Amino acid sequence: MTYEVYAIKYAHHARRAAENFIGGPIGGDAHDGPMPLDYFVWLVRGEGREIVVDTGFSAAMAAKRGRQHLRCPTEGLKLLGTDSKAVKDVVITHLHYDHVGNFELFPAATLHLQELEMRYATGAYMCHECFRGAFEVEDVVGMVRRVYENRVRFHSGDAGLFPGVSVHLIGGHTMGLQAVRVKTRRGWVVLASDASHFYANMEQVRPFPIVWSVADMVEGYRKLRGLAASAEHIIPGHDPLVLERYKSPKEELEGIVVRLD
């Protein structure tokens, strides 16, 4: 069995290269310049099922955090014929605001999350602003409510979701960050999410500065390479180059959706 995999852009943030590497312009990038972030959700489709990876954030959250909101992620999914209300499985790679917002727009879905991530987001580390800054408390509380509604499926490390689709604990960026491995027509594709924001983070071993454990983040680059068919099969979480390296499935979707398989 093989699956189709799509990256769907829903937001954008202008920033500089020095902000994307530990050490800033001295230890990070001596030639500082524009290096923006794109924000994506991903769709895995095949074998009679649709799996959404992450749920993005809302226009209100974009205004709060100074991001450019282009469209609701559910509208991006609709461009591919996917109704968020009918999706049965959503993988939440981690609980940062830009990956877990909007989950209420997927009312029929089981939410797949690492148990370690819930422990991290609700435990002692959140007493420190350097760790909690990328979390939104209402997202975390909302996820706890879904637990009590029996709508969260916890995973402890690597786990198969369906034949040809699995999640893999990477950590680093957050304690319980997970990547998604998918069998496609061109081999095993790995949706790295924020295990590597940009191609440059993993290819040059220059970690992104929002991090729980630098050691785990760097080790995560090695694990990603071991999971994917090749380095070219690893999809970073926020790199605008994804839209350049892959083709859109339809001309009218250029700049919004690319097919990764």
C-alpha atoms as a PDB file:
ATOM      1  CA  MET A   1       0.000   0.000   0.000  1.00  0.00           C
ATOM      2  CA  THR A   2       1.108   3.583  -0.704  1.00  0.00           C
ATOM      3  CA  TYR A   3      -0.254   6.987   0.237  1.00  0.00           C
ATOM      4  CA  GLU A   4      -0.429  10.450  -1.252  1.00  0.00           C
ATOM      5  CA  VAL A   5       1.070  13.199   0.938  1.00  0.00           C
ATOM      6  CA  TYR A   6       0.360  16.921   0.646  1.00  0.00           C
ATOM      7  CA  ALA A   7       1.767  20.033   2.327  1.00  0.00           C
ATOM      8  CA  ILE A   8      -0.779  22.847   2.675  1.00  0.00           C
ATOM      9  CA  LYS A   9       0.418  26.372   3.451  1.00  0.00           C
ATOM     10  CA  TYR A  10      -1.854  28.464   5.668  1.00  0.00           C
ATOM     11  CA  ALA A  11       0.329  31.251   7.157  1.00  0.00           C
ATOM     12  CA  HIS A  12       3.621  33.111   6.840  1.00  0.00           C
ATOM     13  CA  HIS A  13       6.044  34.997   9.080  1.00  0.00           C
ATOM     14  CA  ALA A  14       8.804  37.320   7.900  1.00  0.00           C
ATOM     15  CA  ARG A  15      11.984  36.951   9.962  1.00  0.00           C
ATOM     16  CA  ARG A  16      15.747  36.907   9.620  1.00  0.00           C
ATOM     17  CA  ALA A  17      18.233  34.066   9.425  1.00  0.00           C
ATOM     18  CA  ALA A  18      19.784  34.976  12.768  1.00  0.00           C
ATOM     19  CA  GLU A  19      16.481  34.105  14.441  1.00  0.00           C
ATOM     20  CA  ASN A  20      16.492  30.580  13.009  1.00  0.00           C
ATOM     21  CA  PHE A  21      19.759  29.224  14.404  1.00  0.00           C
ATOM     22  CA  ILE A  22      21.178  28.978  17.901  1.00  0.00           C
ATOM     23  CA  GLY A  23      23.788  31.693  18.386  1.00  0.00           C
ATOM     24  CA  GLY A  24      22.192  34.367  16.230  1.00  0.00           C
ATOM     25  CA  PRO A  25      24.395  36.206  13.701  1.00  0.00           C
ATOM     26  CA  ILE A  26      27.623  35.153  15.484  1.00  0.00           C
ATOM     27  CA  GLY A  27      27.139  31.453  16.168  1.00  0.00           C
ATOM     28  CA  GLY A  28      24.237  31.014  13.803  1.00  0.00           C
ATOM     29  CA  ASP A  29      24.611  32.928  10.536  1.00  0.00           C
ATOM     30  CA  ALA A  30      27.400  35.402   9.795  1.00  0.00           C
ATOM     31  CA  HIS A  31      25.495  36.584   6.714  1.00  0.00           C
ATOM     32  CA  ASP A  32      22.182  37.540   8.266  1.00  0.00           C
ATOM     33  CA  GLY A  33      19.330  38.204   5.879  1.00  0.00           C
ATOM     34  CA  PRO A  34      15.661  37.417   5.293  1.00  0.00           C
ATOM     35  CA  MET A  35      14.703  33.813   6.110  1.00  0.00           C
ATOM     36  CA  PRO A  36      10.925  33.632   6.575  1.00  0.00           C
ATOM     37  CA  LEU A  37       8.813  30.850   8.004  1.00  0.00           C
ATOM     38  CA  ASP A  38       5.918  29.238   6.190  1.00  0.00           C
ATOM     39  CA  TYR A  39       3.275  27.393   8.203  1.00  0.00           C
ATOM     40  CA  PHE A  40       1.856  24.097   6.968  1.00  0.00           C
ATOM     41  CA  VAL A  41      -0.543  21.340   7.796  1.00  0.00           C
ATOM     42  CA  TRP A  42      -0.214  18.019   5.992  1.00  0.00           C
ATOM     43  CA  LEU A  43      -2.663  15.540   4.499  1.00  0.00           C
ATOM     44  CA  VAL A  44      -1.960  11.820   4.124  1.00  0.00           C
ATOM     45  CA  ARG A  45      -4.469  10.091   1.829  1.00  0.00           C
ATOM     46  CA  GLY A  46      -4.805   6.497   0.698  1.00  0.00           C
ATOM     47  CA  GLU A  47      -6.099   3.037   1.521  1.00  0.00           C
ATOM     48  CA  GLY A  48      -9.556   4.517   2.032  1.00  0.00           C
ATOM     49  CA  ARG A  49      -8.504   6.919   4.778  1.00  0.00           C
ATOM     50  CA  GLU A  50      -7.455  10.522   5.273  1.00  0.00           C
ATOM     51  CA  ILE A  51      -5.035  11.475   8.049  1.00  0.00           C
ATOM     52  CA  VAL A  52      -4.372  15.123   8.861  1.00  0.00           C
ATOM     53  CA  VAL A  53      -1.056  16.003  10.470  1.00  0.00           C
ATOM     54  CA  ASP A  54      -1.377  19.084  12.716  1.00  0.00           C
ATOM     55  CA  THR A  55      -4.176  21.631  12.712  1.00  0.00           C
ATOM     56  CA  GLY A  56      -2.456  25.033  12.529  1.00  0.00           C
ATOM     57  CA  PHE A  57      -3.710  28.217  14.162  1.00  0.00           C
ATOM     58  CA  SER A  58      -6.570  30.676  13.719  1.00  0.00           C
ATOM     59  CA  ALA A  59      -6.686  34.234  12.375  1.00  0.00           C
ATOM     60  CA  ALA A  60      -7.145  35.478  15.937  1.00  0.00           C
ATOM     61  CA  MET A  61      -3.979  33.682  17.051  1.00  0.00           C
ATOM     62  CA  ALA A  62      -2.101  35.079  14.051  1.00  0.00           C
ATOM     63  CA  ALA A  63      -3.070  38.595  15.126  1.00  0.00           C
ATOM     64  CA  LYS A  64      -1.998  37.887  18.703  1.00  0.00           C
ATOM     65  CA  ARG A  65       1.399  36.535  17.628  1.00  0.00           C
ATOM     66  CA  GLY A  66       2.086  38.834  14.692  1.00  0.00           C
ATOM     67  CA  ARG A  67       1.838  36.244  11.936  1.00  0.00           C
ATOM     68  CA  GLN A  68       0.291  36.593   8.482  1.00  0.00           C
ATOM     69  CA  HIS A  69      -2.758  34.324   8.307  1.00  0.00           C
ATOM     70  CA  LEU A  70      -3.541  33.377   4.718  1.00  0.00           C
ATOM     71  CA  ARG A  71      -6.401  30.914   5.143  1.00  0.00           C
ATOM     72  CA  CYS A  72      -7.895  28.567   7.694  1.00  0.00           C
ATOM     73  CA  PRO A  73      -6.138  25.199   7.382  1.00  0.00           C
ATOM     74  CA  THR A  74      -9.552  23.609   6.909  1.00  0.00           C
ATOM     75  CA  GLU A  75     -10.034  25.774   3.818  1.00  0.00           C
ATOM     76  CA  GLY A  76      -6.736  24.475   2.466  1.00  0.00           C
ATOM     77  CA  LEU A  77      -7.899  20.928   3.083  1.00  0.00           C
ATOM     78  CA  LYS A  78     -11.150  21.689   1.311  1.00  0.00           C
ATOM     79  CA  LEU A  79      -9.171  22.617  -1.811  1.00  0.00           C
ATOM     80  CA  LEU A  80      -8.126  18.949  -1.893  1.00  0.00           C
ATOM     81  CA  GLY A  81     -11.671  17.719  -1.311  1.00  0.00           C
ATOM     82  CA  THR A  82     -11.192  16.954   2.383  1.00  0.00           C
ATOM     83  CA  ASP A  83     -13.891  17.920   4.880  1.00  0.00           C
ATOM     84  CA  SER A  84     -12.357  18.550   8.307  1.00  0.00           C
ATOM     85  CA  LYS A  85     -15.603  17.519   9.994  1.00  0.00           C
ATOM     86  CA  ALA A  86     -15.306  14.021   8.512  1.00  0.00           C
ATOM     87  CA  VAL A  87     -11.611  13.384   9.233  1.00  0.00           C
ATOM     88  CA  LYS A  88     -11.224  10.424  11.596  1.00  0.00           C
ATOM     89  CA  ASP A  89      -7.530  10.713  12.532  1.00  0.00           C
ATOM     90  CA  VAL A  90      -5.385  13.749  13.308  1.00  0.00           C
ATOM     91  CA  VAL A  91      -1.742  13.466  14.349  1.00  0.00           C
ATOM     92  CA  ILE A  92      -0.612  16.301  16.622  1.00  0.00           C
ATOM     93  CA  THR A  93       3.160  16.400  16.273  1.00  0.00           C
ATOM     94  CA  HIS A  94       3.481  18.595  19.369  1.00  0.00           C
ATOM     95  CA  LEU A  95       1.441  21.087  21.366  1.00  0.00           C
ATOM     96  CA  HIS A  96       2.914  24.408  20.229  1.00  0.00           C
ATOM     97  CA  TYR A  97       0.271  26.941  19.206  1.00  0.00           C
ATOM     98  CA  ASP A  98       0.951  26.643  15.469  1.00  0.00           C
ATOM     99  CA  HIS A  99       0.428  22.883  15.389  1.00  0.00           C
ATOM    100  CA  VAL A 100      -2.542  22.274  17.692  1.00  0.00           C
ATOM    101  CA  GLY A 101      -4.855  25.269  17.248  1.00  0.00           C
ATOM    102  CA  ASN A 102      -8.165  24.656  15.432  1.00  0.00           C
ATOM    103  CA  PHE A 103      -8.541  21.099  16.705  1.00  0.00           C
ATOM    104  CA  GLU A 104     -12.173  21.877  17.498  1.00  0.00           C
ATOM    105  CA  LEU A 105     -12.723  22.035  13.727  1.00  0.00           C
ATOM    106  CA  PHE A 106     -12.122  18.258  13.558  1.00  0.00           C
ATOM    107  CA  PRO A 107     -15.044  17.018  15.701  1.00  0.00           C
ATOM    108  CA  ALA A 108     -14.972  13.397  14.504  1.00  0.00           C
ATOM    109  CA  ALA A 109     -11.233  12.877  14.850  1.00  0.00           C
ATOM    110  CA  THR A 110      -9.136  10.847  17.226  1.00  0.00           C
ATOM    111  CA  LEU A 111      -6.116  12.979  18.137  1.00  0.00           C
ATOM    112  CA  HIS A 112      -2.799  11.106  18.181  1.00  0.00           C
ATOM    113  CA  LEU A 113      -0.282  12.552  20.641  1.00  0.00           C
ATOM    114  CA  GLN A 114       2.836  11.415  22.450  1.00  0.00           C
ATOM    115  CA  GLU A 115       2.158  10.860  26.144  1.00  0.00           C
ATOM    116  CA  LEU A 116       5.489  12.549  26.856  1.00  0.00           C
ATOM    117  CA  GLU A 117       4.297  15.728  25.132  1.00  0.00           C
ATOM    118  CA  MET A 118       1.262  16.012  27.396  1.00  0.00           C
ATOM    119  CA  ARG A 119       3.498  15.474  30.406  1.00  0.00           C
ATOM    120  CA  TYR A 120       5.828  18.220  29.181  1.00  0.00           C
ATOM    121  CA  ALA A 121       3.057  20.730  28.413  1.00  0.00           C
ATOM    122  CA  THR A 122       1.365  20.289  31.802  1.00  0.00           C
ATOM    123  CA  GLY A 123       4.398  19.744  34.047  1.00  0.00           C
ATOM    124  CA  ALA A 124       7.146  21.637  35.837  1.00  0.00           C
ATOM    125  CA  TYR A 125       8.936  22.886  32.710  1.00  0.00           C
ATOM    126  CA  MET A 126       5.999  25.177  32.001  1.00  0.00           C
ATOM    127  CA  CYS A 127       7.004  27.227  35.051  1.00  0.00           C
ATOM    128  CA  HIS A 128       9.710  28.720  32.791  1.00  0.00           C
ATOM    129  CA  GLU A 129       8.887  31.223  30.055  1.00  0.00           C
ATOM    130  CA  CYS A 130      11.674  29.930  27.806  1.00  0.00           C
ATOM    131  CA  PHE A 131       9.814  26.612  27.513  1.00  0.00           C
ATOM    132  CA  ARG A 132       6.183  27.739  27.653  1.00  0.00           C
ATOM    133  CA  GLY A 133       6.423  30.684  25.256  1.00  0.00           C
ATOM    134  CA  ALA A 134       5.324  28.732  22.179  1.00  0.00           C
ATOM    135  CA  PHE A 135       2.405  27.066  23.997  1.00  0.00           C
ATOM    136  CA  GLU A 136      -1.065  28.545  24.392  1.00  0.00           C
ATOM    137  CA  VAL A 137      -2.674  27.548  27.659  1.00  0.00           C
ATOM    138  CA  GLU A 138      -6.161  27.249  26.117  1.00  0.00           C
ATOM    139  CA  ASP A 139      -4.840  24.783  23.537  1.00  0.00           C
ATOM    140  CA  VAL A 140      -3.293  22.661  26.275  1.00  0.00           C
ATOM    141  CA  VAL A 141      -6.418  22.835  28.464  1.00  0.00           C
ATOM    142  CA  GLY A 142      -8.526  21.997  25.425  1.00  0.00           C
ATOM    143  CA  MET A 143      -6.428  18.914  24.789  1.00  0.00           C
ATOM    144  CA  VAL A 144      -6.903  17.819  28.391  1.00  0.00           C
ATOM    145  CA  ARG A 145     -10.665  18.138  27.891  1.00  0.00           C
ATOM    146  CA  ARG A 146     -10.403  15.912  24.815  1.00  0.00           C
ATOM    147  CA  VAL A 147      -8.605  13.335  26.935  1.00  0.00           C
ATOM    148  CA  TYR A 148     -11.581  13.261  29.283  1.00  0.00           C
ATOM    149  CA  GLU A 149     -13.856  12.905  26.249  1.00  0.00           C
ATOM    150  CA  ASN A 150     -11.865   9.806  25.209  1.00  0.00           C
ATOM    151  CA  ARG A 151     -10.769  11.471  21.983  1.00  0.00           C
ATOM    152  CA  VAL A 152      -6.974  11.349  22.448  1.00  0.00           C
ATOM    153  CA  ARG A 153      -4.919   8.284  21.640  1.00  0.00           C
ATOM    154  CA  PHE A 154      -1.596   8.456  23.421  1.00  0.00           C
ATOM    155  CA  HIS A 155       1.574   6.900  22.049  1.00  0.00           C
ATOM    156  CA  SER A 156       4.687   6.080  24.049  1.00  0.00           C
ATOM    157  CA  GLY A 157       7.508   6.287  21.548  1.00  0.00           C
ATOM    158  CA  ASP A 158       7.381   4.864  18.028  1.00  0.00           C
ATOM    159  CA  ALA A 159       4.045   3.373  16.993  1.00  0.00           C
ATOM    160  CA  GLY A 160       2.220   2.172  13.900  1.00  0.00           C
ATOM    161  CA  LEU A 161      -1.061   3.937  13.193  1.00  0.00           C
ATOM    162  CA  PHE A 162      -2.002   2.026  10.058  1.00  0.00           C
ATOM    163  CA  PRO A 163      -0.080  -0.159   7.611  1.00  0.00           C
ATOM    164  CA  GLY A 164       2.355   2.234   5.951  1.00  0.00           C
ATOM    165  CA  VAL A 165       1.867   5.092   8.456  1.00  0.00           C
ATOM    166  CA  SER A 166       3.709   5.419  11.769  1.00  0.00           C
ATOM    167  CA  VAL A 167       4.707   8.033  14.341  1.00  0.00           C
ATOM    168  CA  HIS A 168       8.193   8.339  15.803  1.00  0.00           C
ATOM    169  CA  LEU A 169       9.279  10.108  18.963  1.00  0.00           C
ATOM    170  CA  ILE A 170      12.020  12.620  18.132  1.00  0.00           C
ATOM    171  CA  GLY A 171      11.964  15.136  20.975  1.00  0.00           C
ATOM    172  CA  GLY A 172      14.433  18.015  21.004  1.00  0.00           C
ATOM    173  CA  HIS A 173      12.232  20.949  20.011  1.00  0.00           C
ATOM    174  CA  THR A 174       9.761  19.798  22.666  1.00  0.00           C
ATOM    175  CA  MET A 175      10.039  16.786  24.931  1.00  0.00           C
ATOM    176  CA  GLY A 176       7.417  14.781  23.075  1.00  0.00           C
ATOM    177  CA  LEU A 177       7.653  15.963  19.477  1.00  0.00           C
ATOM    178  CA  GLN A 178       6.851  13.191  16.982  1.00  0.00           C
ATOM    179  CA  ALA A 179       7.488  12.845  13.261  1.00  0.00           C
ATOM    180  CA  VAL A 180       5.265  10.938  10.827  1.00  0.00           C
ATOM    181  CA  ARG A 181       6.605   8.278   8.449  1.00  0.00           C
ATOM    182  CA  VAL A 182       4.531   7.446   5.354  1.00  0.00           C
ATOM    183  CA  LYS A 183       4.992   4.839   2.657  1.00  0.00           C
ATOM    184  CA  THR A 184       4.591   6.502  -0.745  1.00  0.00           C
ATOM    185  CA  ARG A 185       5.147   5.649  -4.391  1.00  0.00           C
ATOM    186  CA  ARG A 186       8.681   7.127  -4.168  1.00  0.00           C
ATOM    187  CA  GLY A 187       9.585   5.458  -0.884  1.00  0.00           C
ATOM    188  CA  TRP A 188       9.364   6.348   2.807  1.00  0.00           C
ATOM    189  CA  VAL A 189       8.614  10.053   3.287  1.00  0.00           C
ATOM    190  CA  VAL A 190       9.085  11.567   6.753  1.00  0.00           C
ATOM    191  CA  LEU A 191       7.115  14.624   7.852  1.00  0.00           C
ATOM    192  CA  ALA A 192       9.652  16.030  10.298  1.00  0.00           C
ATOM    193  CA  SER A 193       7.467  18.840  11.617  1.00  0.00           C
ATOM    194  CA  ASP A 194       9.607  20.936  13.951  1.00  0.00           C
ATOM    195  CA  ALA A 195      12.268  18.295  14.425  1.00  0.00           C
ATOM    196  CA  SER A 196      13.798  20.515  11.720  1.00  0.00           C
ATOM    197  CA  HIS A 197      12.163  23.829  10.864  1.00  0.00           C
ATOM    198  CA  PHE A 198      14.317  24.333   7.777  1.00  0.00           C
ATOM    199  CA  TYR A 199      16.388  22.085   5.518  1.00  0.00           C
ATOM    200  CA  ALA A 200      19.407  24.018   6.791  1.00  0.00           C
ATOM    201  CA  ASN A 201      18.835  23.056  10.423  1.00  0.00           C
ATOM    202  CA  MET A 202      19.313  19.345   9.772  1.00  0.00           C
ATOM    203  CA  GLU A 203      21.579  19.496   6.736  1.00  0.00           C
ATOM    204  CA  GLN A 204      24.092  21.826   8.419  1.00  0.00           C
ATOM    205  CA  VAL A 205      23.424  20.578  11.985  1.00  0.00           C
ATOM    206  CA  ARG A 206      22.542  24.093  13.152  1.00  0.00           C
ATOM    207  CA  PRO A 207      19.651  23.766  15.610  1.00  0.00           C
ATOM    208  CA  PHE A 208      16.631  26.046  15.759  1.00  0.00           C
ATOM    209  CA  PRO A 209      16.684  28.183  18.940  1.00  0.00           C
ATOM    210  CA  ILE A 210      13.282  27.174  20.358  1.00  0.00           C
ATOM    211  CA  VAL A 211      14.397  23.941  21.953  1.00  0.00           C
ATOM    212  CA  TRP A 212      13.940  21.812  25.040  1.00  0.00           C
ATOM    213  CA  SER A 213      17.048  19.660  24.481  1.00  0.00           C
ATOM    214  CA  VAL A 214      19.739  20.559  21.958  1.00  0.00           C
ATOM    215  CA  ALA A 215      21.238  17.082  22.305  1.00  0.00           C
ATOM    216  CA  ASP A 216      17.932  15.412  21.461  1.00  0.00           C
ATOM    217  CA  MET A 217      17.360  17.831  18.580  1.00  0.00           C
ATOM    218  CA  VAL A 218      20.727  17.021  16.994  1.00  0.00           C
ATOM    219  CA  GLU A 219      20.260  13.283  17.566  1.00  0.00           C
ATOM    220  CA  GLY A 220      16.834  13.679  15.992  1.00  0.00           C
ATOM    221  CA  TYR A 221      18.434  14.670  12.677  1.00  0.00           C
ATOM    222  CA  ARG A 222      20.151  11.272  12.613  1.00  0.00           C
ATOM    223  CA  LYS A 223      16.919   9.481  13.434  1.00  0.00           C
ATOM    224  CA  LEU A 224      15.042  11.304  10.683  1.00  0.00           C
ATOM    225  CA  ARG A 225      17.651  10.181   8.131  1.00  0.00           C
ATOM    226  CA  GLY A 226      17.292   6.591   9.314  1.00  0.00           C
ATOM    227  CA  LEU A 227      13.513   6.664   8.882  1.00  0.00           C
ATOM    228  CA  ALA A 228      13.422   8.207   5.399  1.00  0.00           C
ATOM    229  CA  ALA A 229      14.273   6.616   2.057  1.00  0.00           C
ATOM    230  CA  SER A 230      16.883   9.369   1.600  1.00  0.00           C
ATOM    231  CA  ALA A 231      17.678  12.831   2.938  1.00  0.00           C
ATOM    232  CA  GLU A 232      15.531  14.224   0.123  1.00  0.00           C
ATOM    233  CA  HIS A 233      12.525  12.355   1.568  1.00  0.00           C
ATOM    234  CA  ILE A 234      12.565  14.394   4.818  1.00  0.00           C
ATOM    235  CA  ILE A 235      10.108  17.305   4.843  1.00  0.00           C
ATOM    236  CA  PRO A 236      10.970  20.139   7.275  1.00  0.00           C
ATOM    237  CA  GLY A 237       8.204  21.860   9.198  1.00  0.00           C
ATOM    238  CA  HIS A 238       8.438  25.501   8.071  1.00  0.00           C
ATOM    239  CA  ASP A 239      10.747  25.893   5.091  1.00  0.00           C
ATOM    240  CA  PRO A 240       9.363  27.911   2.129  1.00  0.00           C
ATOM    241  CA  LEU A 241      11.676  25.816  -0.066  1.00  0.00           C
ATOM    242  CA  VAL A 242       9.172  22.952   0.243  1.00  0.00           C
ATOM    243  CA  LEU A 243       6.903  24.875  -2.131  1.00  0.00           C
ATOM    244  CA  GLU A 244       9.789  25.205  -4.595  1.00  0.00           C
ATOM    245  CA  ARG A 245      11.107  21.642  -4.443  1.00  0.00           C
ATOM    246  CA  TYR A 246       7.739  19.965  -4.957  1.00  0.00           C
ATOM    247  CA  LYS A 247       4.983  20.435  -7.511  1.00  0.00           C
ATOM    248  CA  SER A 248       1.423  21.505  -6.962  1.00  0.00           C
ATOM    249  CA  PRO A 249      -1.208  18.907  -7.918  1.00  0.00           C
ATOM    250  CA  LYS A 250      -3.139  21.584  -9.836  1.00  0.00           C
ATOM    251  CA  GLU A 251      -2.089  24.854 -11.428  1.00  0.00           C
ATOM    252  CA  GLU A 252      -4.644  26.801  -9.398  1.00  0.00           C
ATOM    253  CA  LEU A 253      -3.135  25.476  -6.168  1.00  0.00           C
ATOM    254  CA  GLU A 254       0.393  26.743  -6.825  1.00  0.00           C
ATOM    255  CA  GLY A 255       1.795  28.533  -3.812  1.00  0.00           C
ATOM    256  CA  ILE A 256      -0.717  26.809  -1.536  1.00  0.00           C
ATOM    257  CA  VAL A 257      -0.432  23.019  -1.924  1.00  0.00           C
ATOM    258  CA  VAL A 258       2.349  20.714  -3.083  1.00  0.00           C
ATOM    259  CA  ARG A 259       2.365  16.944  -3.392  1.00  0.00           C
ATOM    260  CA  LEU A 260       5.241  15.306  -1.523  1.00  0.00           C
ATOM    261  CA  ASP A 261       4.971  11.705  -2.703  1.00  0.00           C
END
